[in-house]
Amino acid sequence: MFVLFLYFPVLPLYSYSPSVGSGSGSSYTITGEGRITSVRVWEYYGGHIYGVQFRYGYSWSNVAGYIYGTPQEMELYDGEYIVQISGKYSHYLQTIIFVTNRGRSLFVGQPSGTSFNMYPEHQETELVFISGRYHGGLTSLGAHWAVVDPTFNMTTH
């Protein structure tokens, strides 16, 4: 009896949560190497979301949108990662909530508009980057989910 083994390459688990919002303005993408270790969000008091920034390892990404006012920030613990993004939008993103695998969350913005909820299709994945558009603030947001190697060497830069 012959046993036939077929080799199928193991594809990395990846999913995309489609963009929400009006989508006007210039495009942005926040990416980096390794796991997201901190999140910053700028919101003008009583207004919409102006900007978002991630730290990957020890390096901060560029800001998506604008730096305006004082940011709200959540630093993630070792082994902690983002598993959900929810919030509300109209023309701009009004509210954004980042939720981690440990149940912690960063809530920024005003609770008005149409609700959205983004999460990965595969349980083993986490937020790796976001993309969207901005013009006077964030006008759209999409989330990209994948497996991140937790042993990725994050040396200081």
C-alpha atoms as a PDB file:
ATOM      1  CA  MET A   1       0.000   0.000   0.000  1.00  0.00           C
ATOM      2  CA  PHE A   2       1.345   3.373  -0.989  1.00  0.00           C
ATOM      3  CA  VAL A   3       0.598   6.449   0.987  1.00  0.00           C
ATOM      4  CA  LEU A   4       0.544   9.655  -0.955  1.00  0.00           C
ATOM      5  CA  PHE A   5       1.389  12.777   0.966  1.00  0.00           C
ATOM      6  CA  LEU A   6       0.618  16.050  -0.671  1.00  0.00           C
ATOM      7  CA  TYR A   7       2.495  19.051   0.490  1.00  0.00           C
ATOM      8  CA  PHE A   8       0.286  22.054   0.982  1.00  0.00           C
ATOM      9  CA  PRO A   9       2.100  25.158   2.097  1.00  0.00           C
ATOM     10  CA  VAL A  10       0.725  26.498   5.343  1.00  0.00           C
ATOM     11  CA  LEU A  11      -0.699  29.891   4.576  1.00  0.00           C
ATOM     12  CA  PRO A  12      -0.522  32.511   7.288  1.00  0.00           C
ATOM     13  CA  LEU A  13      -3.910  33.215   8.830  1.00  0.00           C
ATOM     14  CA  TYR A  14      -5.055  36.629   7.639  1.00  0.00           C
ATOM     15  CA  SER A  15      -8.359  38.473   7.531  1.00  0.00           C
ATOM     16  CA  TYR A  16      -9.536  41.983   6.733  1.00  0.00           C
ATOM     17  CA  SER A  17     -12.359  43.959   8.309  1.00  0.00           C
ATOM     18  CA  PRO A  18     -13.638  46.283   5.540  1.00  0.00           C
ATOM     19  CA  SER A  19     -13.425  50.037   6.004  1.00  0.00           C
ATOM     20  CA  VAL A  20     -16.167  52.009   7.703  1.00  0.00           C
ATOM     21  CA  GLY A  21     -16.773  55.749   7.357  1.00  0.00           C
ATOM     22  CA  SER A  22     -17.198  58.189   4.482  1.00  0.00           C
ATOM     23  CA  GLY A  23     -13.723  57.548   3.076  1.00  0.00           C
ATOM     24  CA  SER A  24     -12.913  61.040   1.839  1.00  0.00           C
ATOM     25  CA  GLY A  25      -9.418  62.493   1.744  1.00  0.00           C
ATOM     26  CA  SER A  26      -5.921  61.033   1.626  1.00  0.00           C
ATOM     27  CA  SER A  27      -5.134  57.387   2.306  1.00  0.00           C
ATOM     28  CA  TYR A  28      -3.095  56.109   5.253  1.00  0.00           C
ATOM     29  CA  THR A  29      -1.687  52.812   6.442  1.00  0.00           C
ATOM     30  CA  ILE A  30      -0.108  52.206   9.850  1.00  0.00           C
ATOM     31  CA  THR A  31       2.290  49.268   9.732  1.00  0.00           C
ATOM     32  CA  GLY A  32       5.357  48.118  11.616  1.00  0.00           C
ATOM     33  CA  GLU A  33       7.445  45.108  12.550  1.00  0.00           C
ATOM     34  CA  GLY A  34       6.309  42.721  15.248  1.00  0.00           C
ATOM     35  CA  ARG A  35       3.464  43.126  17.691  1.00  0.00           C
ATOM     36  CA  ILE A  36       1.644  46.368  18.502  1.00  0.00           C
ATOM     37  CA  THR A  37       2.788  47.366  21.997  1.00  0.00           C
ATOM     38  CA  SER A  38       0.977  50.680  22.499  1.00  0.00           C
ATOM     39  CA  VAL A  39      -1.838  52.761  20.971  1.00  0.00           C
ATOM     40  CA  ARG A  40      -2.316  56.552  20.918  1.00  0.00           C
ATOM     41  CA  VAL A  41      -5.493  58.312  19.781  1.00  0.00           C
ATOM     42  CA  TRP A  42      -6.082  62.052  19.354  1.00  0.00           C
ATOM     43  CA  GLU A  43      -9.563  63.510  19.742  1.00  0.00           C
ATOM     44  CA  TYR A  44     -10.568  67.116  20.155  1.00  0.00           C
ATOM     45  CA  TYR A  45     -12.815  67.394  23.215  1.00  0.00           C
ATOM     46  CA  GLY A  46     -16.398  66.884  22.067  1.00  0.00           C
ATOM     47  CA  GLY A  47     -15.264  66.229  18.501  1.00  0.00           C
ATOM     48  CA  HIS A  48     -14.215  63.401  16.259  1.00  0.00           C
ATOM     49  CA  ILE A  49     -11.080  61.243  16.059  1.00  0.00           C
ATOM     50  CA  TYR A  50      -8.176  63.232  14.590  1.00  0.00           C
ATOM     51  CA  GLY A  51      -5.343  60.721  14.610  1.00  0.00           C
ATOM     52  CA  VAL A  52      -4.101  57.262  15.600  1.00  0.00           C
ATOM     53  CA  GLN A  53      -0.568  55.980  16.175  1.00  0.00           C
ATOM     54  CA  PHE A  54       0.801  52.523  17.066  1.00  0.00           C
ATOM     55  CA  ARG A  55       4.056  51.504  18.656  1.00  0.00           C
ATOM     56  CA  TYR A  56       5.535  48.273  17.299  1.00  0.00           C
ATOM     57  CA  GLY A  57       8.083  46.928  19.755  1.00  0.00           C
ATOM     58  CA  TYR A  58       9.968  50.100  20.717  1.00  0.00           C
ATOM     59  CA  SER A  59       9.311  52.120  17.535  1.00  0.00           C
ATOM     60  CA  TRP A  60       6.386  54.482  17.014  1.00  0.00           C
ATOM     61  CA  SER A  61       4.684  54.481  13.615  1.00  0.00           C
ATOM     62  CA  ASN A  62       3.756  57.573  11.676  1.00  0.00           C
ATOM     63  CA  VAL A  63       0.477  59.164  12.764  1.00  0.00           C
ATOM     64  CA  ALA A  64      -2.594  58.362  10.679  1.00  0.00           C
ATOM     65  CA  GLY A  65      -4.452  61.652  10.493  1.00  0.00           C
ATOM     66  CA  TYR A  66      -3.392  64.547  12.700  1.00  0.00           C
ATOM     67  CA  ILE A  67      -1.830  65.288  16.076  1.00  0.00           C
ATOM     68  CA  TYR A  68      -4.333  67.583  17.752  1.00  0.00           C
ATOM     69  CA  GLY A  69      -4.629  68.098  21.492  1.00  0.00           C
ATOM     70  CA  THR A  70      -3.534  65.574  24.099  1.00  0.00           C
ATOM     71  CA  PRO A  71      -3.491  61.908  23.077  1.00  0.00           C
ATOM     72  CA  GLN A  72      -5.096  59.125  25.061  1.00  0.00           C
ATOM     73  CA  GLU A  73      -2.779  56.140  25.254  1.00  0.00           C
ATOM     74  CA  MET A  74      -2.879  52.490  26.245  1.00  0.00           C
ATOM     75  CA  GLU A  75       0.352  50.551  26.651  1.00  0.00           C
ATOM     76  CA  LEU A  76      -0.042  46.806  26.180  1.00  0.00           C
ATOM     77  CA  TYR A  77       1.437  44.254  28.575  1.00  0.00           C
ATOM     78  CA  ASP A  78       3.740  41.434  27.482  1.00  0.00           C
ATOM     79  CA  GLY A  79       1.618  38.858  25.665  1.00  0.00           C
ATOM     80  CA  GLU A  80      -1.281  41.293  25.263  1.00  0.00           C
ATOM     81  CA  TYR A  81      -2.626  42.177  21.819  1.00  0.00           C
ATOM     82  CA  ILE A  82      -5.605  43.845  20.145  1.00  0.00           C
ATOM     83  CA  VAL A  83      -8.484  41.503  19.240  1.00  0.00           C
ATOM     84  CA  GLN A  84     -11.296  43.953  18.491  1.00  0.00           C
ATOM     85  CA  ILE A  85     -11.930  47.483  17.246  1.00  0.00           C
ATOM     86  CA  SER A  86     -15.370  48.990  17.616  1.00  0.00           C
ATOM     87  CA  GLY A  87     -16.872  52.444  17.677  1.00  0.00           C
ATOM     88  CA  LYS A  88     -19.149  54.842  15.842  1.00  0.00           C
ATOM     89  CA  TYR A  89     -18.844  56.886  12.668  1.00  0.00           C
ATOM     90  CA  SER A  90     -20.685  59.452  10.567  1.00  0.00           C
ATOM     91  CA  HIS A  91     -18.577  61.474   8.122  1.00  0.00           C
ATOM     92  CA  TYR A  92     -15.685  61.106  10.584  1.00  0.00           C
ATOM     93  CA  LEU A  93     -14.883  58.390  13.091  1.00  0.00           C
ATOM     94  CA  GLN A  94     -16.652  59.652  16.206  1.00  0.00           C
ATOM     95  CA  THR A  95     -15.632  56.900  18.647  1.00  0.00           C
ATOM     96  CA  ILE A  96     -12.943  54.243  18.571  1.00  0.00           C
ATOM     97  CA  ILE A  97     -12.495  51.428  21.082  1.00  0.00           C
ATOM     98  CA  PHE A  98      -9.492  49.095  21.016  1.00  0.00           C
ATOM     99  CA  VAL A  99     -10.037  45.869  23.017  1.00  0.00           C
ATOM    100  CA  THR A 100      -7.272  43.440  24.001  1.00  0.00           C
ATOM    101  CA  ASN A 101      -7.137  39.697  24.598  1.00  0.00           C
ATOM    102  CA  ARG A 102      -6.972  40.504  28.331  1.00  0.00           C
ATOM    103  CA  GLY A 103     -10.255  42.417  28.287  1.00  0.00           C
ATOM    104  CA  ARG A 104      -8.704  45.866  28.622  1.00  0.00           C
ATOM    105  CA  SER A 105      -9.888  48.667  26.354  1.00  0.00           C
ATOM    106  CA  LEU A 106      -9.059  52.174  25.223  1.00  0.00           C
ATOM    107  CA  PHE A 107     -12.252  54.203  24.598  1.00  0.00           C
ATOM    108  CA  VAL A 108     -11.849  57.553  22.831  1.00  0.00           C
ATOM    109  CA  GLY A 109     -14.475  59.852  21.306  1.00  0.00           C
ATOM    110  CA  GLN A 110     -18.144  60.701  21.402  1.00  0.00           C
ATOM    111  CA  PRO A 111     -20.914  58.063  21.281  1.00  0.00           C
ATOM    112  CA  SER A 112     -22.784  59.270  18.201  1.00  0.00           C
ATOM    113  CA  GLY A 113     -23.271  57.886  14.706  1.00  0.00           C
ATOM    114  CA  THR A 114     -23.475  54.413  13.183  1.00  0.00           C
ATOM    115  CA  SER A 115     -21.933  51.576  15.203  1.00  0.00           C
ATOM    116  CA  PHE A 116     -19.233  49.252  13.878  1.00  0.00           C
ATOM    117  CA  ASN A 117     -17.438  46.219  15.277  1.00  0.00           C
ATOM    118  CA  MET A 118     -14.285  44.641  13.805  1.00  0.00           C
ATOM    119  CA  TYR A 119     -12.603  41.419  14.866  1.00  0.00           C
ATOM    120  CA  PRO A 120     -10.461  38.722  13.211  1.00  0.00           C
ATOM    121  CA  GLU A 121     -11.945  35.694  11.448  1.00  0.00           C
ATOM    122  CA  HIS A 122      -9.352  33.382  13.025  1.00  0.00           C
ATOM    123  CA  GLN A 123      -9.025  33.028  16.790  1.00  0.00           C
ATOM    124  CA  GLU A 124      -5.211  32.854  16.719  1.00  0.00           C
ATOM    125  CA  THR A 125      -4.818  36.238  15.017  1.00  0.00           C
ATOM    126  CA  GLU A 126      -4.488  39.815  16.220  1.00  0.00           C
ATOM    127  CA  LEU A 127      -4.503  43.347  14.818  1.00  0.00           C
ATOM    128  CA  VAL A 128      -1.364  43.918  12.737  1.00  0.00           C
ATOM    129  CA  PHE A 129      -2.206  47.168  10.959  1.00  0.00           C
ATOM    130  CA  ILE A 130      -4.969  49.583   9.996  1.00  0.00           C
ATOM    131  CA  SER A 131      -5.682  51.504   6.826  1.00  0.00           C
ATOM    132  CA  GLY A 132      -8.176  54.113   5.727  1.00  0.00           C
ATOM    133  CA  ARG A 133      -8.535  57.774   4.787  1.00  0.00           C
ATOM    134  CA  TYR A 134      -8.325  61.146   6.548  1.00  0.00           C
ATOM    135  CA  HIS A 135      -9.336  64.741   5.845  1.00  0.00           C
ATOM    136  CA  GLY A 136      -9.778  67.014   8.866  1.00  0.00           C
ATOM    137  CA  GLY A 137      -9.775  63.818  10.949  1.00  0.00           C
ATOM    138  CA  LEU A 138     -10.126  60.102  10.249  1.00  0.00           C
ATOM    139  CA  THR A 139     -12.890  59.526   7.681  1.00  0.00           C
ATOM    140  CA  SER A 140     -12.475  55.749   7.349  1.00  0.00           C
ATOM    141  CA  LEU A 141     -10.831  52.783   9.056  1.00  0.00           C
ATOM    142  CA  GLY A 142     -10.200  49.181   8.028  1.00  0.00           C
ATOM    143  CA  ALA A 143      -8.470  46.532  10.159  1.00  0.00           C
ATOM    144  CA  HIS A 144      -5.985  43.851   9.092  1.00  0.00           C
ATOM    145  CA  TRP A 145      -5.559  40.746  11.271  1.00  0.00           C
ATOM    146  CA  ALA A 146      -2.839  38.069  11.179  1.00  0.00           C
ATOM    147  CA  VAL A 147      -0.603  35.848  13.286  1.00  0.00           C
ATOM    148  CA  VAL A 148       2.362  37.651  14.859  1.00  0.00           C
ATOM    149  CA  ASP A 149       5.426  35.726  15.967  1.00  0.00           C
ATOM    150  CA  PRO A 150       5.588  36.459  19.726  1.00  0.00           C
ATOM    151  CA  THR A 151       9.331  35.696  19.716  1.00  0.00           C
ATOM    152  CA  PHE A 152      10.034  38.442  17.152  1.00  0.00           C
ATOM    153  CA  ASN A 153      13.262  40.164  18.194  1.00  0.00           C
ATOM    154  CA  MET A 154      12.296  43.703  19.193  1.00  0.00           C
ATOM    155  CA  THR A 155      15.603  45.456  19.738  1.00  0.00           C
ATOM    156  CA  THR A 156      15.662  49.127  20.588  1.00  0.00           C
ATOM    157  CA  HIS A 157      16.231  51.402  17.632  1.00  0.00           C
END
